[in-house]
C-alpha atoms as a PDB file:
ATOM      1  CA  MET A   1      30.525 -49.035 -24.989  1.00  0.00           C
ATOM      2  CA  LYS A   2      32.261 -49.284 -21.612  1.00  0.00           C
ATOM      3  CA  THR A   3      35.325 -47.058 -21.348  1.00  0.00           C
ATOM      4  CA  GLY A   4      38.374 -47.376 -19.121  1.00  0.00           C
ATOM      5  CA  SER A   5      37.212 -44.492 -16.970  1.00  0.00           C
ATOM      6  CA  ASP A   6      34.300 -46.586 -15.593  1.00  0.00           C
ATOM      7  CA  SER A   7      31.749 -44.800 -17.718  1.00  0.00           C
ATOM      8  CA  CYS A   8      29.710 -45.921 -20.718  1.00  0.00           C
ATOM      9  CA  GLY A   9      29.443 -44.159 -24.055  1.00  0.00           C
ATOM     10  CA  PHE A  10      26.379 -44.399 -26.265  1.00  0.00           C
ATOM     11  CA  ALA A  11      26.472 -43.443 -29.940  1.00  0.00           C
ATOM     12  CA  THR A  12      23.251 -41.764 -31.095  1.00  0.00           C
ATOM     13  CA  THR A  13      22.006 -39.768 -34.063  1.00  0.00           C
ATOM     14  CA  ASP A  14      21.878 -36.783 -31.701  1.00  0.00           C
ATOM     15  CA  GLY A  15      25.426 -36.870 -30.328  1.00  0.00           C
ATOM     16  CA  LEU A  16      27.462 -38.948 -27.887  1.00  0.00           C
ATOM     17  CA  ASN A  17      26.011 -39.748 -24.469  1.00  0.00           C
ATOM     18  CA  ARG A  18      28.298 -40.640 -21.552  1.00  0.00           C
ATOM     19  CA  TYR A  19      26.930 -42.266 -18.421  1.00  0.00           C
ATOM     20  CA  ASP A  20      29.241 -42.283 -15.393  1.00  0.00           C
ATOM     21  CA  GLY A  21      26.957 -44.233 -13.053  1.00  0.00           C
ATOM     22  CA  ALA A  22      25.286 -41.128 -11.659  1.00  0.00           C
ATOM     23  CA  SER A  23      24.495 -38.795 -14.548  1.00  0.00           C
ATOM     24  CA  ILE A  24      24.451 -38.536 -18.331  1.00  0.00           C
ATOM     25  CA  THR A  25      26.572 -36.013 -20.232  1.00  0.00           C
ATOM     26  CA  VAL A  26      25.566 -35.308 -23.828  1.00  0.00           C
ATOM     27  CA  TYR A  27      28.240 -34.203 -26.311  1.00  0.00           C
ATOM     28  CA  GLN A  28      26.972 -32.571 -29.492  1.00  0.00           C
ATOM     29  CA  ASN A  29      28.224 -30.492 -32.372  1.00  0.00           C
ATOM     30  CA  ASP A  30      28.322 -26.766 -31.705  1.00  0.00           C
ATOM     31  CA  PRO A  31      29.124 -24.809 -34.890  1.00  0.00           C
ATOM     32  CA  GLU A  32      30.705 -22.080 -32.735  1.00  0.00           C
ATOM     33  CA  ASP A  33      33.030 -24.500 -30.888  1.00  0.00           C
ATOM     34  CA  VAL A  34      35.873 -26.192 -32.809  1.00  0.00           C
ATOM     35  CA  TYR A  35      36.383 -28.518 -29.812  1.00  0.00           C
ATOM     36  CA  SER A  36      32.876 -29.990 -30.013  1.00  0.00           C
ATOM     37  CA  LEU A  37      31.988 -33.119 -32.004  1.00  0.00           C
ATOM     38  CA  SER A  38      32.289 -32.645 -35.756  1.00  0.00           C
ATOM     39  CA  ASP A  39      28.714 -33.957 -36.205  1.00  0.00           C
ATOM     40  CA  ASN A  40      25.808 -35.242 -34.101  1.00  0.00           C
ATOM     41  CA  ASN A  41      25.312 -38.450 -36.099  1.00  0.00           C
ATOM     42  CA  VAL A  42      27.727 -40.728 -34.217  1.00  0.00           C
ATOM     43  CA  LYS A  43      28.324 -43.937 -36.160  1.00  0.00           C
ATOM     44  CA  SER A  44      31.226 -45.637 -34.384  1.00  0.00           C
ATOM     45  CA  LEU A  45      33.182 -45.667 -31.120  1.00  0.00           C
ATOM     46  CA  LEU A  46      36.536 -47.147 -30.180  1.00  0.00           C
ATOM     47  CA  GLU A  47      38.698 -46.892 -27.108  1.00  0.00           C
ATOM     48  CA  ASP A  48      42.298 -47.652 -28.105  1.00  0.00           C
ATOM     49  CA  ARG A  49      44.940 -49.359 -25.977  1.00  0.00           C
ATOM     50  CA  ASP A  50      46.142 -45.950 -24.711  1.00  0.00           C
ATOM     51  CA  GLY A  51      42.666 -45.105 -23.428  1.00  0.00           C
ATOM     52  CA  ASN A  52      41.840 -42.614 -26.186  1.00  0.00           C
ATOM     53  CA  LEU A  53      38.180 -42.536 -27.173  1.00  0.00           C
ATOM     54  CA  TRP A  54      37.694 -42.218 -30.936  1.00  0.00           C
ATOM     55  CA  VAL A  55      34.309 -41.157 -32.297  1.00  0.00           C
ATOM     56  CA  GLY A  56      33.339 -41.641 -35.939  1.00  0.00           C
ATOM     57  CA  CYS A  57      30.630 -39.373 -37.328  1.00  0.00           C
ATOM     58  CA  ASP A  58      29.095 -38.533 -40.700  1.00  0.00           C
ATOM     59  CA  LYS A  59      31.379 -35.505 -40.851  1.00  0.00           C
ATOM     60  CA  GLY A  60      34.727 -36.684 -39.544  1.00  0.00           C
ATOM     61  CA  LEU A  61      36.719 -38.557 -36.937  1.00  0.00           C
ATOM     62  CA  ASN A  62      37.060 -37.172 -33.402  1.00  0.00           C
ATOM     63  CA  ARG A  63      39.416 -38.008 -30.535  1.00  0.00           C
ATOM     64  CA  TYR A  64      38.152 -37.168 -27.073  1.00  0.00           C
ATOM     65  CA  ASP A  65      40.695 -35.439 -24.836  1.00  0.00           C
ATOM     66  CA  ARG A  66      39.675 -36.338 -21.280  1.00  0.00           C
ATOM     67  CA  ASN A  67      41.996 -33.735 -19.732  1.00  0.00           C
ATOM     68  CA  LEU A  68      40.425 -30.891 -21.706  1.00  0.00           C
ATOM     69  CA  ASP A  69      36.922 -32.409 -21.933  1.00  0.00           C
ATOM     70  CA  ALA A  70      37.116 -31.561 -25.629  1.00  0.00           C
ATOM     71  CA  PHE A  71      37.256 -33.239 -29.032  1.00  0.00           C
ATOM     72  CA  ILE A  72      40.085 -32.992 -31.540  1.00  0.00           C
ATOM     73  CA  ARG A  73      38.685 -33.226 -35.064  1.00  0.00           C
ATOM     74  CA  TYR A  74      40.167 -35.062 -38.023  1.00  0.00           C
ATOM     75  CA  GLU A  75      38.411 -34.150 -41.252  1.00  0.00           C
ATOM     76  CA  HIS A  76      39.067 -34.758 -44.934  1.00  0.00           C
ATOM     77  CA  GLN A  77      40.799 -31.817 -46.549  1.00  0.00           C
ATOM     78  CA  GLN A  78      40.837 -31.955 -50.352  1.00  0.00           C
ATOM     79  CA  SER A  79      44.120 -30.006 -50.468  1.00  0.00           C
ATOM     80  CA  ASP A  80      45.865 -32.183 -47.840  1.00  0.00           C
ATOM     81  CA  PRO A  81      46.843 -35.706 -48.966  1.00  0.00           C
ATOM     82  CA  GLU A  82      47.751 -36.549 -45.327  1.00  0.00           C
ATOM     83  CA  SER A  83      44.185 -35.948 -44.101  1.00  0.00           C
ATOM     84  CA  ILE A  84      41.676 -38.772 -43.638  1.00  0.00           C
ATOM     85  CA  SER A  85      40.345 -40.146 -46.940  1.00  0.00           C
ATOM     86  CA  GLN A  86      36.680 -39.321 -46.287  1.00  0.00           C
ATOM     87  CA  ASN A  87      34.511 -37.750 -43.610  1.00  0.00           C
ATOM     88  CA  SER A  88      31.913 -40.473 -43.073  1.00  0.00           C
ATOM     89  CA  ILE A  89      33.363 -42.900 -40.476  1.00  0.00           C
ATOM     90  CA  PRO A  90      30.999 -45.905 -40.180  1.00  0.00           C
ATOM     91  CA  ALA A  91      33.545 -48.104 -38.356  1.00  0.00           C
ATOM     92  CA  ILE A  92      36.858 -47.779 -36.507  1.00  0.00           C
ATOM     93  CA  CYS A  93      39.470 -50.547 -36.091  1.00  0.00           C
ATOM     94  CA  ALA A  94      42.615 -50.673 -34.003  1.00  0.00           C
ATOM     95  CA  HIS A  95      45.583 -52.989 -34.363  1.00  0.00           C
END
């Protein structure tokens, strides 16, 4: 997927790869880092009209914060009816 920042993102079963024309950066889940991807099995990618990159994984939805070079996780919480309905995100749509 080509992103607005002139780089390409590649969804893999071992994380998200970003190619900027010169080098590849690999983003993966790190159990010690709450700002890493929620899971390495990336199933879907979407860049919304505001330039946010959304990453769907087997274990949640992630929004990439370019300023922080970090991911904000959205995961299903049984006790929170406002949370996402499930953790597996095979596709992402925008209106």
